Protein backbone atom coordinates (compact mmCIF):
# COMPACT_ATOMS: atom_id res chain seq x y z
CA MET A 1 13.20 1.56 -36.64
CA LYS A 2 11.46 -1.28 -37.67
CA ASN A 3 13.64 -3.37 -35.01
CA ILE A 4 13.34 -1.41 -32.10
CA PRO A 5 11.44 -3.36 -29.61
CA LEU A 6 8.47 -0.02 -28.66
CA ASN A 7 7.01 -2.21 -25.97
CA GLY A 8 9.38 -3.23 -24.61
CA LEU A 9 10.92 0.19 -23.84
CA ARG A 10 7.88 1.08 -22.76
CA ALA A 11 7.27 -1.35 -20.59
CA PHE A 12 10.84 -1.03 -19.19
CA ALA A 13 9.83 2.50 -19.02
CA ALA A 14 7.63 2.31 -16.88
CA ILE A 15 9.36 0.07 -14.49
CA TYR A 16 11.83 3.08 -14.18
CA GLU A 17 9.73 5.50 -13.59
CA THR A 18 6.85 2.89 -10.53
CA GLY A 19 9.78 1.33 -9.70
CA GLY A 20 9.22 -2.21 -9.76
CA ILE A 21 7.02 -4.78 -12.34
CA ARG A 22 3.69 -4.71 -10.04
CA PRO A 23 3.17 -1.54 -10.06
CA ALA A 24 4.30 -1.34 -13.78
CA ALA A 25 2.04 -4.10 -14.99
CA ARG A 26 -0.88 -1.76 -13.28
CA SER A 27 0.09 1.36 -14.60
CA LEU A 28 0.50 -0.15 -18.18
CA SER A 29 -3.47 -2.32 -17.75
CA ILE A 30 -1.27 -5.16 -18.55
CA THR A 31 -0.64 -7.89 -16.49
CA HIS A 32 2.66 -8.81 -14.22
CA SER A 33 3.75 -11.37 -16.39
CA SER A 34 3.01 -9.57 -19.00
CA VAL A 35 5.70 -7.00 -18.06
CA SER A 36 8.40 -9.20 -17.44
CA ARG A 37 8.32 -11.21 -21.21
CA HIS A 38 8.92 -7.50 -22.67
CA LEU A 39 11.39 -6.74 -20.06
CA ARG A 40 13.40 -9.92 -20.67
CA GLU A 41 12.71 -9.39 -23.90
CA LEU A 42 14.50 -5.69 -23.99
CA GLU A 43 16.85 -7.26 -22.32
CA ALA A 44 18.15 -10.13 -25.14
CA TRP A 45 18.04 -7.49 -27.44
CA LEU A 46 20.54 -5.17 -26.17
CA GLY A 47 22.16 -8.27 -25.22
CA VAL A 48 22.60 -6.14 -21.17
CA THR A 49 21.11 -6.91 -18.42
CA LEU A 50 18.60 -3.59 -17.38
CA VAL A 51 17.61 -4.54 -13.28
CA SER A 52 19.81 -6.49 -10.33
CA HIS A 53 17.09 -8.85 -8.15
CA GLU A 54 20.64 -8.99 -5.99
CA GLY A 55 18.49 -8.27 -2.62
CA GLY A 56 15.43 -10.76 -3.91
CA ARG A 57 12.22 -9.97 -6.51
CA LYS A 58 11.14 -7.31 -4.18
CA ASN A 59 14.20 -5.04 -3.92
CA LEU A 60 14.38 -4.76 -7.34
CA SER A 61 17.36 -2.44 -8.76
CA PHE A 62 18.83 -1.16 -12.08
CA THR A 63 22.27 -1.57 -13.57
CA ALA A 64 23.81 1.36 -14.52
CA GLN A 65 22.14 0.71 -18.78
CA GLY A 66 19.03 0.27 -17.27
CA GLU A 67 19.89 4.28 -15.54
CA MET A 68 20.62 5.23 -18.90
CA LEU A 69 18.11 3.45 -20.22
CA GLY A 70 15.05 3.85 -17.97
CA ARG A 71 16.01 8.16 -17.39
CA ASP A 72 16.64 8.33 -22.13
CA SER A 73 13.25 6.36 -22.93
CA LEU A 74 10.94 7.42 -20.08
CA LYS A 75 12.01 11.44 -20.88
CA GLN A 76 10.90 11.31 -24.75
CA LEU A 77 8.44 9.17 -23.98
CA ARG A 78 6.47 11.10 -21.73
CA ALA A 79 7.69 13.58 -25.15
CA LEU A 80 6.33 11.94 -27.17
CA ASP A 81 2.91 11.17 -25.24
CA SER A 82 2.89 15.04 -25.11
CA SER A 83 3.05 15.41 -29.29
CA CYS A 84 0.57 13.11 -29.22
CA ALA A 85 -1.93 14.79 -26.80
CA ALA A 86 -1.14 18.47 -28.74
CA ILE A 87 -2.38 17.23 -31.83
CA ARG A 88 -5.04 15.89 -30.96
CA GLU A 89 -5.41 19.19 -28.87
CA MET A 90 -5.47 20.41 -32.33
CA THR A 91 -7.30 18.06 -34.57
CA GLY A 92 -9.38 16.73 -32.23
CA SER A 93 -10.56 19.79 -30.18
CA ASN A 94 -14.43 18.59 -30.49
CA THR A 95 -13.95 14.80 -30.11
CA VAL A 96 -14.14 13.62 -26.64
CA THR A 97 -12.82 10.25 -25.45
CA ILE A 98 -14.35 7.99 -22.64
CA ALA A 99 -12.54 5.50 -21.47
CA THR A 100 -15.58 2.87 -19.02
CA THR A 101 -16.16 -0.94 -18.08
CA PRO A 102 -18.72 -2.48 -20.22
CA SER A 103 -22.27 -3.01 -18.01
CA PHE A 104 -21.97 1.48 -17.45
CA ALA A 105 -22.17 2.34 -21.11
CA ALA A 106 -24.40 0.02 -21.70
CA ARG A 107 -26.78 0.48 -19.06
CA TRP A 108 -25.97 4.64 -17.28
CA LEU A 109 -23.88 5.85 -20.71
CA LEU A 110 -24.76 5.50 -23.78
CA PRO A 111 -29.10 5.87 -23.25
CA ARG A 112 -28.42 8.87 -22.28
CA LEU A 113 -25.32 9.88 -25.20
CA ALA A 114 -28.57 11.16 -28.20
CA ARG A 115 -29.39 13.97 -25.52
CA PHE A 116 -26.27 15.47 -25.31
CA ASN A 117 -25.84 15.25 -28.56
CA GLU A 118 -29.03 16.93 -28.79
CA ASP A 119 -27.53 19.39 -26.40
CA HIS A 120 -23.86 19.63 -28.45
CA PRO A 121 -23.41 18.90 -31.41
CA ALA A 122 -20.60 20.37 -32.86
CA ILE A 123 -18.59 17.63 -30.42
CA GLU A 124 -18.56 14.01 -30.89
CA VAL A 125 -17.49 11.70 -27.78
CA SER A 126 -16.41 8.31 -28.20
CA VAL A 127 -16.95 5.83 -26.08
CA ILE A 128 -13.69 2.86 -24.94
CA ALA A 129 -15.90 0.10 -22.97
CA ASP A 130 -12.63 -2.32 -21.39
CA GLN A 131 -12.47 -3.37 -17.44
CA LYS A 132 -8.76 -2.53 -17.69
CA ILE A 133 -8.18 1.06 -16.12
CA HIS A 134 -6.66 2.77 -18.52
CA HIS A 135 -3.70 5.00 -17.72
CA PRO A 136 -4.58 8.67 -17.07
CA ASN A 137 -1.79 8.88 -19.47
CA ASP A 138 -2.83 7.32 -22.47
CA ALA A 139 -3.54 10.08 -25.45
CA ARG A 140 -6.32 8.33 -26.27
CA VAL A 141 -8.71 9.24 -23.45
CA ASP A 142 -9.74 11.70 -21.77
CA PHE A 143 -11.05 10.51 -19.22
CA ASN A 144 -12.38 7.46 -17.49
CA ILE A 145 -15.22 6.47 -15.72
CA ARG A 146 -14.67 4.21 -12.82
CA MET A 147 -16.84 2.44 -10.11
CA GLY A 148 -14.79 1.97 -6.88
CA LYS A 149 -14.21 3.77 -3.76
CA GLY A 150 -11.72 6.57 -4.21
CA PRO A 151 -10.24 9.29 -4.62
CA TRP A 152 -7.15 7.65 -5.32
CA SER A 153 -3.26 9.13 -5.71
CA GLY A 154 -1.41 9.73 -9.15
CA VAL A 155 -4.60 10.83 -10.98
CA ASN A 156 -7.57 13.65 -10.57
CA CYS A 157 -10.46 12.12 -9.44
CA LEU A 158 -13.64 13.90 -9.83
CA PRO A 159 -16.75 11.74 -8.15
CA LEU A 160 -19.69 11.72 -10.67
CA MET A 161 -22.06 10.42 -9.00
CA ASP A 162 -23.00 8.64 -5.70
CA GLU A 163 -24.97 4.36 -5.97
CA THR A 164 -27.53 2.83 -3.64
CA LEU A 165 -28.29 -1.00 -3.29
CA PHE A 166 -31.09 -3.05 -3.04
CA PRO A 167 -31.92 -6.98 -4.07
CA VAL A 168 -33.89 -7.62 -7.75
CA ALA A 169 -35.83 -10.35 -9.26
CA GLY A 170 -37.31 -10.89 -12.18
CA ARG A 171 -40.95 -10.37 -13.62
CA GLU A 172 -41.67 -13.81 -13.01
CA PHE A 173 -39.95 -15.27 -9.98
CA PHE A 174 -41.68 -11.92 -8.08
CA GLU A 175 -44.97 -12.40 -9.48
CA CYS A 176 -44.57 -15.87 -7.85
CA HIS A 177 -42.81 -15.29 -4.89
CA GLY A 178 -43.71 -11.86 -3.70
CA PRO A 179 -40.86 -8.82 -1.94
CA ASP A 180 -40.13 -10.03 0.94
CA ILE A 181 -39.33 -13.45 0.91
CA ALA A 182 -35.77 -15.60 2.63
CA LEU A 183 -32.46 -15.78 0.72
CA ALA A 184 -31.70 -18.45 2.08
CA ASP A 185 -34.38 -20.45 0.64
CA HIS A 186 -33.49 -18.69 -3.38
CA THR A 187 -30.33 -18.87 -5.82
CA LEU A 188 -28.05 -16.33 -5.25
CA LEU A 189 -26.67 -14.77 -7.96
CA HIS A 190 -22.57 -12.64 -7.77
CA ASP A 191 -20.19 -10.86 -9.96
CA ARG A 192 -16.85 -9.42 -9.42
CA ASP A 193 -17.69 -5.66 -8.00
CA PRO A 194 -17.14 -6.13 -4.69
CA GLN A 195 -18.49 -3.10 -3.67
CA THR A 196 -21.56 -5.36 -4.29
CA SER A 197 -21.47 -8.82 -2.03
CA TRP A 198 -24.05 -10.17 -0.54
CA GLN A 199 -21.57 -10.32 2.13
CA SER A 200 -21.51 -6.16 2.64
CA TRP A 201 -25.69 -7.12 2.09
CA GLN A 202 -25.83 -9.90 5.16
CA SER A 203 -23.23 -7.16 6.43
CA VAL A 204 -25.87 -4.47 7.00
CA PHE A 205 -29.01 -6.25 7.79
CA PRO A 206 -27.46 -9.86 9.44
CA GLN A 207 -30.00 -13.60 8.82
CA GLU A 208 -29.25 -16.18 8.42
CA ILE A 209 -28.27 -17.20 4.46
CA PRO A 210 -26.47 -20.86 4.55
CA ASN A 211 -25.67 -20.30 0.89
CA LEU A 212 -24.57 -17.20 1.02
CA GLY A 213 -21.32 -17.64 -1.23
CA LYS A 214 -22.97 -20.58 -3.32
CA GLY A 215 -24.33 -19.20 -6.53
CA PRO A 216 -23.98 -18.95 -10.65
CA ARG A 217 -21.25 -15.51 -10.05
CA PHE A 218 -20.74 -13.25 -13.81
CA ALA A 219 -17.71 -11.27 -15.43
CA SER A 220 -19.80 -8.05 -15.12
CA SER A 221 -22.75 -5.46 -13.40
CA ASP A 222 -25.09 -6.41 -17.30
CA LEU A 223 -24.79 -9.38 -17.26
CA LEU A 224 -25.70 -9.89 -13.29
CA LEU A 225 -28.89 -8.44 -14.02
CA ARG A 226 -29.60 -9.63 -17.10
CA ALA A 227 -29.91 -13.49 -15.54
CA ALA A 228 -31.84 -12.08 -12.66
CA ALA A 229 -34.27 -10.38 -15.33
CA GLN A 230 -34.33 -13.67 -16.91
CA ASN A 231 -34.90 -15.32 -13.41
CA LEU A 232 -31.96 -17.11 -12.88
CA GLY A 233 -32.08 -15.67 -9.04
CA ILE A 234 -31.76 -12.91 -7.24
CA ALA A 235 -29.04 -9.46 -7.79
CA LEU A 236 -27.37 -7.55 -5.26
CA ALA A 237 -28.24 -4.73 -8.23
CA ARG A 238 -26.88 -1.12 -7.75
CA GLU A 239 -29.50 1.24 -9.10
CA ARG A 240 -28.09 3.76 -11.47
CA LEU A 241 -27.01 0.40 -13.57
CA ALA A 242 -30.66 -1.36 -13.29
CA GLU A 243 -33.13 2.17 -13.57
CA GLU A 244 -34.28 1.40 -17.39
CA ASP A 245 -35.08 -2.51 -16.71
CA LEU A 246 -37.02 -1.38 -13.12
CA ALA A 247 -38.43 1.15 -15.16
CA ILE A 248 -40.19 -1.17 -17.88
CA GLY A 249 -40.40 -3.94 -15.35
CA ASN A 250 -38.33 -6.63 -16.59
CA LEU A 251 -36.91 -6.28 -12.91
CA LYS A 252 -38.67 -5.90 -9.63
CA ARG A 253 -36.88 -4.79 -6.20
CA LEU A 254 -36.71 -6.70 -3.26
CA TYR A 255 -36.83 -5.99 0.30
CA PRO A 256 -38.77 -2.71 0.21
CA GLU A 257 -37.67 -1.21 3.10
CA GLN A 258 -33.99 -2.15 2.68
CA LYS A 259 -31.05 -0.67 0.65
CA ILE A 260 -27.50 0.17 1.35
CA HIS A 261 -26.03 4.10 0.47
CA LEU A 262 -22.42 4.16 -1.65
CA ALA A 263 -21.53 7.76 -1.33
CA ARG A 264 -18.94 8.88 -4.67
CA ALA A 265 -19.64 5.70 -6.11
CA TYR A 266 -18.89 6.43 -9.70
CA TRP A 267 -15.41 8.78 -9.93
CA ILE A 268 -14.61 10.81 -13.10
CA ILE A 269 -10.43 9.78 -13.88
CA GLN A 270 -8.35 12.29 -15.59
CA PRO A 271 -4.59 12.75 -16.08
CA GLU A 272 -3.11 14.72 -12.52
CA GLY A 273 -2.24 19.01 -12.76
CA GLY A 274 -3.58 20.80 -16.09
CA SER A 275 -6.13 21.94 -17.14
CA PRO A 276 -9.07 20.02 -19.48
CA ARG A 277 -10.71 21.18 -23.43
CA GLY A 278 -12.83 23.41 -23.54
CA ALA A 279 -15.04 20.09 -25.20
CA VAL A 280 -13.77 17.90 -22.25
CA GLN A 281 -15.35 20.08 -19.52
CA VAL A 282 -18.41 20.23 -21.81
CA LEU A 283 -19.07 16.56 -21.79
CA ILE A 284 -17.68 16.79 -18.19
CA ASN A 285 -20.38 18.99 -16.20
CA TRP A 286 -22.86 17.77 -18.12
CA LEU A 287 -22.86 14.34 -16.61
CA ARG A 288 -22.73 15.93 -13.66
CA GLN A 289 -25.61 17.70 -14.13
CA GLU A 290 -27.17 14.31 -15.48
CA ALA A 291 -25.78 12.07 -12.54
CA ARG A 292 -28.58 14.49 -10.14
CA ASN A 293 -31.01 14.82 -12.07
CA LYS A 294 -30.89 10.84 -11.79
CA SER A 295 -34.07 9.83 -14.46
CA LEU A 296 -33.25 8.69 -17.03
CA ALA A 297 -36.69 10.23 -17.90
């Protein structure tokens, strides 16, 4: 048992299930180069070729040995996943694990969990903060909360809440320049979120901005808003994530009459089929009610 390359088997089972290396990488939330490496290591360990690229790299097919191992590994891994889920159901029926991005966890979810703990002291909530989307069938996670344009195929997607976008700046910046400044005259801050790009803002509120694509870039919405609060420039903020800074005055809204509405901007993602455990459903219902309440207060 100790010599079996379990990571290789898991990667190959994903290739067999999805039909390709890139979709397997997406399903496992790892890079396609990692999947390819696991496949090579597994083939070297077995001493056989499992996949064929005779029709080109995009036309992957399985050898006879690959078909046999693919069927068996996928069947056994699914059985293990079911066993793990059943054990979690029995031993952790009041423990719920959420996976979400660090920005959403820090700025929206965690400030509310104390209230949930007061309302439901018997339910223990754990949070995994990761930029990568965890596979819906990951036995460690009960559900994901993600930003984006859903729903997505192959998973159960439940809309959590809408979003509003508008430009913000730090307190000192605002006091110096006021709410109705020319964006072209100042540094614009950027993050990786395609929904909050300055191009999307300009498409709704056209104006000449020669520096549209220039300015510092940050790895997350949280860092973006922190940079704006430090008066490093102007950020296009998600109101849900900026609400606390706006409430205490660390961030100030610019262009008070202008905003972009994003319908169904946040989603609860669960495995397709089946019903959530009681504790999971309680938390989901509570989060959706919190989203309707909107304010932290």
